[in-house]
Every structure is written in structure tokens, then in C-alpha cells.
């Protein structure tokens, strides 16, 4: 199984205790839905490897304390820090509401503006602390579109189109000759979050 067949659930942030437990940040809308997770695919040196879960406890929002089978020492656990955690796409519940979407599913969609009509295509999503952004390919430039209900209106899955109402002047900012906006620093792959949900970033400052 490859990453193209999966969605990213979150990532390992640090060890917990001395018996091989780890902290898993769940980058999802509802972390408690994964309280009975039996296994996960971890990206280790570029490969997805299945790890079976002995125990998992959801604590403090999006953090989970996880014990994996055959990981029973701090040394073994340390090798998994910063590994991405993935699950197969076929386990993901589909969204049918046209006002909501998973971030990963709109990549490649055509963006249709209420005034300007067809624009460009969705290149990807930048997950930010304050505001998630759609990266759109438009006239050989990258245009960043804030994700909120006033701007991103509906998604048409049948035609792979995203209907938006861009703020006045947004495109002009990126079209100015010689001007390129700085690419934002992301907080990781947040493809599982749906568009009408707020973000929660991992809190790694707590004591184990």
C-alpha cells in the first residue's frame, strides 16, 4: 500500500514514559472517533509499515498515548518520533454535504469564482495556525485562498469543481509583475480535516 491509497491521520510527536509508549497527534476533526484504533501505518524511512496497537488513550484534545506491539523500550520508541501515521482511504467516511470537504479530496479540482468564472486548479492545502489556505495554480503563479465559508462556498464532486467568491483584489495581489507571495510554513499534512472545522495544533509542552 502506498501513500496515494491512504490519508494522514497524524504523526508521532515524542515518547511517553520509559516503556515504549508514544504520543500520537491526531490531526482530525474528532479525535475520539479513533479511541478504538487497532492498527496504523507509520511512515518509516519512506515506507508505510503496519503497527498494531496494544492500547490507546485520547488525552487533552488531539493527543493520544499509544502503546504498539513489540515496542517496549524508550530506545525503540525514539526511532518512531516524527513518523507520519496513515490509514487506508477506504476506511474514511465520505462527506456528502456540498459545503464540507476533506482537504485531500479537492486537490486537482477546478476553482470557479462567482464573478471571474473558471480560474485555476487546487495544487494543495497549507495548514496554518490561524488560517488554512488553498494553494491554486493560476496563470503560472501560486495564489493562496483562505478557507472559510464566506470565500469557499460549495464543492461539486461530480464535476470536480470548487465554487468560491474571492475577495476583491486578491488575484491582483499575485498578478503584480515581479511579486510572489512567500510560501507559508505549514503545520504538517492536514488532509483529513474537513473545511468547516477549526484547527488544533499539537501541544508538546506538557510533562509526560
C-alpha atoms as a PDB file:
ATOM      1  CA  UNK A   1       0.000   0.000   0.000  1.00  0.00           C
ATOM      2  CA  UNK A   2       1.266   3.472  -0.915  1.00  0.00           C
ATOM      3  CA  UNK A   3       0.532   6.943   0.444  1.00  0.00           C
ATOM      4  CA  UNK A   4      -1.728   7.533  -2.572  1.00  0.00           C
ATOM      5  CA  UNK A   5      -4.032   4.870  -1.119  1.00  0.00           C
ATOM      6  CA  UNK A   6      -4.052   6.470   2.338  1.00  0.00           C
ATOM      7  CA  UNK A   7      -4.879   9.592   4.266  1.00  0.00           C
ATOM      8  CA  UNK A   8      -2.691  11.006   7.005  1.00  0.00           C
ATOM      9  CA  UNK A   9      -4.166  10.537  10.457  1.00  0.00           C
ATOM     10  CA  UNK A  10      -1.429  12.447  12.282  1.00  0.00           C
ATOM     11  CA  UNK A  11       2.159  11.932  13.407  1.00  0.00           C
ATOM     12  CA  UNK A  12       4.236  10.750  16.339  1.00  0.00           C
ATOM     13  CA  UNK A  13       5.495  13.700  18.381  1.00  0.00           C
ATOM     14  CA  UNK A  14       7.505  12.216  21.262  1.00  0.00           C
ATOM     15  CA  UNK A  15       7.955   9.319  23.658  1.00  0.00           C
ATOM     16  CA  UNK A  16       5.868   8.917  26.799  1.00  0.00           C
ATOM     17  CA  UNK A  17       7.421   7.310  29.840  1.00  0.00           C
ATOM     18  CA  UNK A  18      10.109   4.633  29.701  1.00  0.00           C
ATOM     19  CA  UNK A  19       8.164   1.581  28.486  1.00  0.00           C
ATOM     20  CA  UNK A  20       7.940   2.393  24.780  1.00  0.00           C
ATOM     21  CA  UNK A  21       4.712   4.374  24.726  1.00  0.00           C
ATOM     22  CA  UNK A  22       4.428   7.283  22.300  1.00  0.00           C
ATOM     23  CA  UNK A  23       2.408  10.453  21.866  1.00  0.00           C
ATOM     24  CA  UNK A  24       0.379  10.459  18.644  1.00  0.00           C
ATOM     25  CA  UNK A  25      -1.014  13.791  17.462  1.00  0.00           C
ATOM     26  CA  UNK A  26      -4.360  13.118  15.745  1.00  0.00           C
ATOM     27  CA  UNK A  27      -4.775  15.742  13.028  1.00  0.00           C
ATOM     28  CA  UNK A  28      -8.520  15.173  12.656  1.00  0.00           C
ATOM     29  CA  UNK A  29     -11.830  16.863  13.463  1.00  0.00           C
ATOM     30  CA  UNK A  30     -12.949  14.345  16.091  1.00  0.00           C
ATOM     31  CA  UNK A  31     -10.045  12.508  17.779  1.00  0.00           C
ATOM     32  CA  UNK A  32     -12.378  10.458  19.995  1.00  0.00           C
ATOM     33  CA  UNK A  33     -13.581   8.568  16.909  1.00  0.00           C
ATOM     34  CA  UNK A  34     -10.179   6.827  16.934  1.00  0.00           C
ATOM     35  CA  UNK A  35     -10.312   5.672  20.553  1.00  0.00           C
ATOM     36  CA  UNK A  36     -10.627   2.033  19.430  1.00  0.00           C
ATOM     37  CA  UNK A  37      -7.980   2.149  16.711  1.00  0.00           C
ATOM     38  CA  UNK A  38      -6.461  -1.319  16.260  1.00  0.00           C
ATOM     39  CA  UNK A  39      -3.570  -0.548  13.914  1.00  0.00           C
ATOM     40  CA  UNK A  40      -1.936   2.239  11.941  1.00  0.00           C
ATOM     41  CA  UNK A  41       0.571   2.597   9.121  1.00  0.00           C
ATOM     42  CA  UNK A  42       3.697   4.515  10.111  1.00  0.00           C
ATOM     43  CA  UNK A  43       5.977   6.053   7.510  1.00  0.00           C
ATOM     44  CA  UNK A  44       9.430   4.788   8.417  1.00  0.00           C
ATOM     45  CA  UNK A  45      12.275   5.785   6.090  1.00  0.00           C
ATOM     46  CA  UNK A  46       9.819   6.427   3.270  1.00  0.00           C
ATOM     47  CA  UNK A  47       7.887   3.169   3.603  1.00  0.00           C
ATOM     48  CA  UNK A  48       4.478   2.548   5.199  1.00  0.00           C
ATOM     49  CA  UNK A  49       4.777  -0.157   7.824  1.00  0.00           C
ATOM     50  CA  UNK A  50       1.811  -1.551   9.803  1.00  0.00           C
ATOM     51  CA  UNK A  51       1.988  -1.259  13.589  1.00  0.00           C
ATOM     52  CA  UNK A  52      -0.567  -2.968  15.793  1.00  0.00           C
ATOM     53  CA  UNK A  53      -1.858  -1.076  18.829  1.00  0.00           C
ATOM     54  CA  UNK A  54      -1.894  -2.648  22.282  1.00  0.00           C
ATOM     55  CA  UNK A  55      -3.549   0.354  23.903  1.00  0.00           C
ATOM     56  CA  UNK A  56      -4.558   3.892  23.009  1.00  0.00           C
ATOM     57  CA  UNK A  57      -5.843   6.677  25.247  1.00  0.00           C
ATOM     58  CA  UNK A  58      -7.100  10.004  23.891  1.00  0.00           C
ATOM     59  CA  UNK A  59      -5.878  12.780  26.187  1.00  0.00           C
ATOM     60  CA  UNK A  60      -6.066  16.565  26.045  1.00  0.00           C
ATOM     61  CA  UNK A  61      -7.762  17.251  22.739  1.00  0.00           C
ATOM     62  CA  UNK A  62      -5.846  15.781  19.820  1.00  0.00           C
ATOM     63  CA  UNK A  63      -3.140  13.927  21.747  1.00  0.00           C
ATOM     64  CA  UNK A  64      -3.206  10.166  22.224  1.00  0.00           C
ATOM     65  CA  UNK A  65      -0.902   7.958  24.272  1.00  0.00           C
ATOM     66  CA  UNK A  66      -0.238   4.833  22.214  1.00  0.00           C
ATOM     67  CA  UNK A  67       1.455   1.534  23.013  1.00  0.00           C
ATOM     68  CA  UNK A  68       2.451  -0.521  19.964  1.00  0.00           C
ATOM     69  CA  UNK A  69       3.090  -4.253  19.920  1.00  0.00           C
ATOM     70  CA  UNK A  70       6.807  -5.116  20.051  1.00  0.00           C
ATOM     71  CA  UNK A  71       7.755  -1.542  21.053  1.00  0.00           C
ATOM     72  CA  UNK A  72       8.597  -1.876  24.734  1.00  0.00           C
ATOM     73  CA  UNK A  73      11.579   0.389  25.363  1.00  0.00           C
ATOM     74  CA  UNK A  74      12.343   4.074  25.055  1.00  0.00           C
ATOM     75  CA  UNK A  75      15.118   3.314  22.579  1.00  0.00           C
ATOM     76  CA  UNK A  76      12.716   1.511  20.227  1.00  0.00           C
ATOM     77  CA  UNK A  77      10.111   4.246  20.615  1.00  0.00           C
ATOM     78  CA  UNK A  78      12.560   7.045  19.850  1.00  0.00           C
ATOM     79  CA  UNK A  79      13.073   5.650  16.341  1.00  0.00           C
ATOM     80  CA  UNK A  80       9.414   6.405  15.562  1.00  0.00           C
ATOM     81  CA  UNK A  81       9.404  10.085  16.596  1.00  0.00           C
ATOM     82  CA  UNK A  82       8.222  12.343  13.735  1.00  0.00           C
ATOM     83  CA  UNK A  83       6.872   9.388  11.729  1.00  0.00           C
ATOM     84  CA  UNK A  84       3.614  10.131   9.937  1.00  0.00           C
ATOM     85  CA  UNK A  85       0.619   7.949  10.801  1.00  0.00           C
ATOM     86  CA  UNK A  86      -1.678   6.835   7.971  1.00  0.00           C
ATOM     87  CA  UNK A  87      -4.851   4.824   7.404  1.00  0.00           C
ATOM     88  CA  UNK A  88      -6.322   3.439   4.150  1.00  0.00           C
ATOM     89  CA  UNK A  89      -8.644   5.814   2.280  1.00  0.00           C
ATOM     90  CA  UNK A  90     -11.341   3.152   2.075  1.00  0.00           C
ATOM     91  CA  UNK A  91     -11.742   3.422   5.860  1.00  0.00           C
ATOM     92  CA  UNK A  92     -12.596   7.123   5.610  1.00  0.00           C
ATOM     93  CA  UNK A  93     -16.285   8.016   5.902  1.00  0.00           C
ATOM     94  CA  UNK A  94     -17.323  10.015   2.801  1.00  0.00           C
ATOM     95  CA  UNK A  95     -18.731  13.528   3.115  1.00  0.00           C
ATOM     96  CA  UNK A  96     -21.882  14.225   1.095  1.00  0.00           C
ATOM     97  CA  UNK A  97     -22.568  17.776   2.302  1.00  0.00           C
ATOM     98  CA  UNK A  98     -21.639  20.157  -0.554  1.00  0.00           C
ATOM     99  CA  UNK A  99     -20.437  22.785   1.937  1.00  0.00           C
ATOM    100  CA  UNK A 100     -17.853  20.473   3.539  1.00  0.00           C
ATOM    101  CA  UNK A 101     -14.898  18.523   2.203  1.00  0.00           C
ATOM    102  CA  UNK A 102     -11.758  16.757   3.265  1.00  0.00           C
ATOM    103  CA  UNK A 103      -8.668  18.710   2.326  1.00  0.00           C
ATOM    104  CA  UNK A 104      -7.115  15.824   0.412  1.00  0.00           C
ATOM    105  CA  UNK A 105     -10.130  15.275  -1.837  1.00  0.00           C
ATOM    106  CA  UNK A 106     -10.153  18.711  -3.519  1.00  0.00           C
ATOM    107  CA  UNK A 107      -6.576  18.558  -4.831  1.00  0.00           C
ATOM    108  CA  UNK A 108      -6.849  18.833  -8.607  1.00  0.00           C
ATOM    109  CA  UNK A 109     -10.323  20.405  -8.531  1.00  0.00           C
ATOM    110  CA  UNK A 110     -11.082  23.360 -10.824  1.00  0.00           C
ATOM    111  CA  UNK A 111     -11.793  26.588  -8.928  1.00  0.00           C
ATOM    112  CA  UNK A 112     -14.816  28.549 -10.153  1.00  0.00           C
ATOM    113  CA  UNK A 113     -15.207  32.139  -8.932  1.00  0.00           C
ATOM    114  CA  UNK A 114     -18.688  33.678  -8.696  1.00  0.00           C
ATOM    115  CA  UNK A 115     -17.536  36.748 -10.677  1.00  0.00           C
ATOM    116  CA  UNK A 116     -14.493  35.713 -12.713  1.00  0.00           C
ATOM    117  CA  UNK A 117     -15.592  32.200 -13.638  1.00  0.00           C
ATOM    118  CA  UNK A 118     -13.019  29.457 -14.181  1.00  0.00           C
ATOM    119  CA  UNK A 119      -9.670  30.214 -12.575  1.00  0.00           C
ATOM    120  CA  UNK A 120      -7.057  27.564 -11.831  1.00  0.00           C
ATOM    121  CA  UNK A 121      -6.750  24.225 -10.087  1.00  0.00           C
ATOM    122  CA  UNK A 122      -6.150  23.275  -6.479  1.00  0.00           C
ATOM    123  CA  UNK A 123      -2.481  22.377  -6.013  1.00  0.00           C
ATOM    124  CA  UNK A 124      -2.696  21.585  -2.307  1.00  0.00           C
ATOM    125  CA  UNK A 125      -3.565  22.863   1.160  1.00  0.00           C
ATOM    126  CA  UNK A 126      -1.397  24.769   3.616  1.00  0.00           C
ATOM    127  CA  UNK A 127      -2.436  24.035   7.216  1.00  0.00           C
ATOM    128  CA  UNK A 128      -1.711  27.121   9.312  1.00  0.00           C
ATOM    129  CA  UNK A 129      -2.214  28.020  12.953  1.00  0.00           C
ATOM    130  CA  UNK A 130      -4.519  30.940  12.209  1.00  0.00           C
ATOM    131  CA  UNK A 131      -5.952  30.126   8.779  1.00  0.00           C
ATOM    132  CA  UNK A 132      -5.897  27.160   6.399  1.00  0.00           C
ATOM    133  CA  UNK A 133      -5.146  28.121   2.784  1.00  0.00           C
ATOM    134  CA  UNK A 134      -5.885  26.605  -0.617  1.00  0.00           C
ATOM    135  CA  UNK A 135      -2.924  26.810  -2.992  1.00  0.00           C
ATOM    136  CA  UNK A 136      -4.242  27.439  -6.520  1.00  0.00           C
ATOM    137  CA  UNK A 137      -2.268  27.261  -9.766  1.00  0.00           C
ATOM    138  CA  UNK A 138      -3.309  30.364 -11.731  1.00  0.00           C
ATOM    139  CA  UNK A 139      -1.509  31.782 -14.778  1.00  0.00           C
ATOM    140  CA  UNK A 140       1.768  30.129 -13.757  1.00  0.00           C
ATOM    141  CA  UNK A 141       1.588  31.572 -10.260  1.00  0.00           C
ATOM    142  CA  UNK A 142       0.548  30.204  -6.894  1.00  0.00           C
ATOM    143  CA  UNK A 143      -2.449  32.021  -5.400  1.00  0.00           C
ATOM    144  CA  UNK A 144      -3.400  31.390  -1.765  1.00  0.00           C
ATOM    145  CA  UNK A 145      -7.104  31.364  -0.926  1.00  0.00           C
ATOM    146  CA  UNK A 146      -8.269  31.450   2.717  1.00  0.00           C
ATOM    147  CA  UNK A 147     -10.618  28.623   3.624  1.00  0.00           C
ATOM    148  CA  UNK A 148     -13.762  29.996   5.219  1.00  0.00           C
ATOM    149  CA  UNK A 149     -17.454  29.797   4.411  1.00  0.00           C
ATOM    150  CA  UNK A 150     -17.598  33.355   3.016  1.00  0.00           C
ATOM    151  CA  UNK A 151     -14.967  32.574   0.371  1.00  0.00           C
ATOM    152  CA  UNK A 152     -15.162  28.823  -0.275  1.00  0.00           C
ATOM    153  CA  UNK A 153     -18.847  28.185  -0.867  1.00  0.00           C
ATOM    154  CA  UNK A 154     -19.559  24.703  -2.218  1.00  0.00           C
ATOM    155  CA  UNK A 155     -17.886  21.656  -3.739  1.00  0.00           C
ATOM    156  CA  UNK A 156     -19.251  19.815  -6.778  1.00  0.00           C
ATOM    157  CA  UNK A 157     -17.804  16.321  -6.558  1.00  0.00           C
ATOM    158  CA  UNK A 158     -19.456  15.143  -9.770  1.00  0.00           C
ATOM    159  CA  UNK A 159     -17.628  17.739 -11.881  1.00  0.00           C
ATOM    160  CA  UNK A 160     -14.587  18.149  -9.573  1.00  0.00           C
ATOM    161  CA  UNK A 161     -15.195  21.868  -9.119  1.00  0.00           C
ATOM    162  CA  UNK A 162     -14.838  24.163  -6.112  1.00  0.00           C
ATOM    163  CA  UNK A 163     -17.112  27.208  -6.097  1.00  0.00           C
ATOM    164  CA  UNK A 164     -15.662  30.321  -4.469  1.00  0.00           C
ATOM    165  CA  UNK A 165     -16.273  34.049  -4.087  1.00  0.00           C
ATOM    166  CA  UNK A 166     -12.809  35.611  -3.956  1.00  0.00           C
ATOM    167  CA  UNK A 167     -12.319  38.927  -2.149  1.00  0.00           C
ATOM    168  CA  UNK A 168     -11.872  41.937  -4.407  1.00  0.00           C
ATOM    169  CA  UNK A 169      -8.236  42.429  -5.338  1.00  0.00           C
ATOM    170  CA  UNK A 170      -6.970  39.044  -4.199  1.00  0.00           C
ATOM    171  CA  UNK A 171      -5.899  37.915  -7.652  1.00  0.00           C
ATOM    172  CA  UNK A 172      -4.378  41.313  -8.436  1.00  0.00           C
ATOM    173  CA  UNK A 173      -2.010  40.974  -5.478  1.00  0.00           C
ATOM    174  CA  UNK A 174      -0.464  37.856  -7.004  1.00  0.00           C
ATOM    175  CA  UNK A 175      -0.545  39.124 -10.570  1.00  0.00           C
ATOM    176  CA  UNK A 176       1.585  42.200  -9.879  1.00  0.00           C
ATOM    177  CA  UNK A 177       4.685  41.911 -12.026  1.00  0.00           C
ATOM    178  CA  UNK A 178       7.652  40.505 -10.122  1.00  0.00           C
ATOM    179  CA  UNK A 179       5.664  39.944  -6.930  1.00  0.00           C
ATOM    180  CA  UNK A 180       5.398  36.493  -5.391  1.00  0.00           C
ATOM    181  CA  UNK A 181       3.887  35.876  -2.006  1.00  0.00           C
ATOM    182  CA  UNK A 182       6.049  33.988   0.452  1.00  0.00           C
ATOM    183  CA  UNK A 183       5.033  30.357   0.851  1.00  0.00           C
ATOM    184  CA  UNK A 184       3.677  29.865   4.378  1.00  0.00           C
ATOM    185  CA  UNK A 185       5.236  27.448   6.809  1.00  0.00           C
ATOM    186  CA  UNK A 186       2.803  24.587   7.328  1.00  0.00           C
ATOM    187  CA  UNK A 187       1.981  22.598  10.432  1.00  0.00           C
ATOM    188  CA  UNK A 188       2.082  19.286   8.563  1.00  0.00           C
ATOM    189  CA  UNK A 189      -0.232  17.372   6.282  1.00  0.00           C
ATOM    190  CA  UNK A 190      -3.765  18.110   7.449  1.00  0.00           C
ATOM    191  CA  UNK A 191      -5.581  16.433   4.637  1.00  0.00           C
ATOM    192  CA  UNK A 192      -8.045  14.650   6.895  1.00  0.00           C
ATOM    193  CA  UNK A 193      -9.600  17.751   8.435  1.00  0.00           C
ATOM    194  CA  UNK A 194     -12.803  18.950   6.836  1.00  0.00           C
ATOM    195  CA  UNK A 195     -13.072  22.514   5.654  1.00  0.00           C
ATOM    196  CA  UNK A 196     -15.579  23.852   8.155  1.00  0.00           C
ATOM    197  CA  UNK A 197     -13.633  22.770  11.213  1.00  0.00           C
ATOM    198  CA  UNK A 198     -11.111  24.709  13.274  1.00  0.00           C
ATOM    199  CA  UNK A 199      -7.546  23.552  13.700  1.00  0.00           C
ATOM    200  CA  UNK A 200      -5.808  22.296  16.771  1.00  0.00           C
ATOM    201  CA  UNK A 201      -2.057  22.105  16.819  1.00  0.00           C
ATOM    202  CA  UNK A 202      -0.118  19.637  18.915  1.00  0.00           C
ATOM    203  CA  UNK A 203       0.791  20.662  22.419  1.00  0.00           C
ATOM    204  CA  UNK A 204       4.166  19.088  23.162  1.00  0.00           C
ATOM    205  CA  UNK A 205       4.975  21.214  26.179  1.00  0.00           C
ATOM    206  CA  UNK A 206       3.230  19.036  28.761  1.00  0.00           C
ATOM    207  CA  UNK A 207       5.107  16.769  31.061  1.00  0.00           C
ATOM    208  CA  UNK A 208       4.846  13.061  30.230  1.00  0.00           C
END
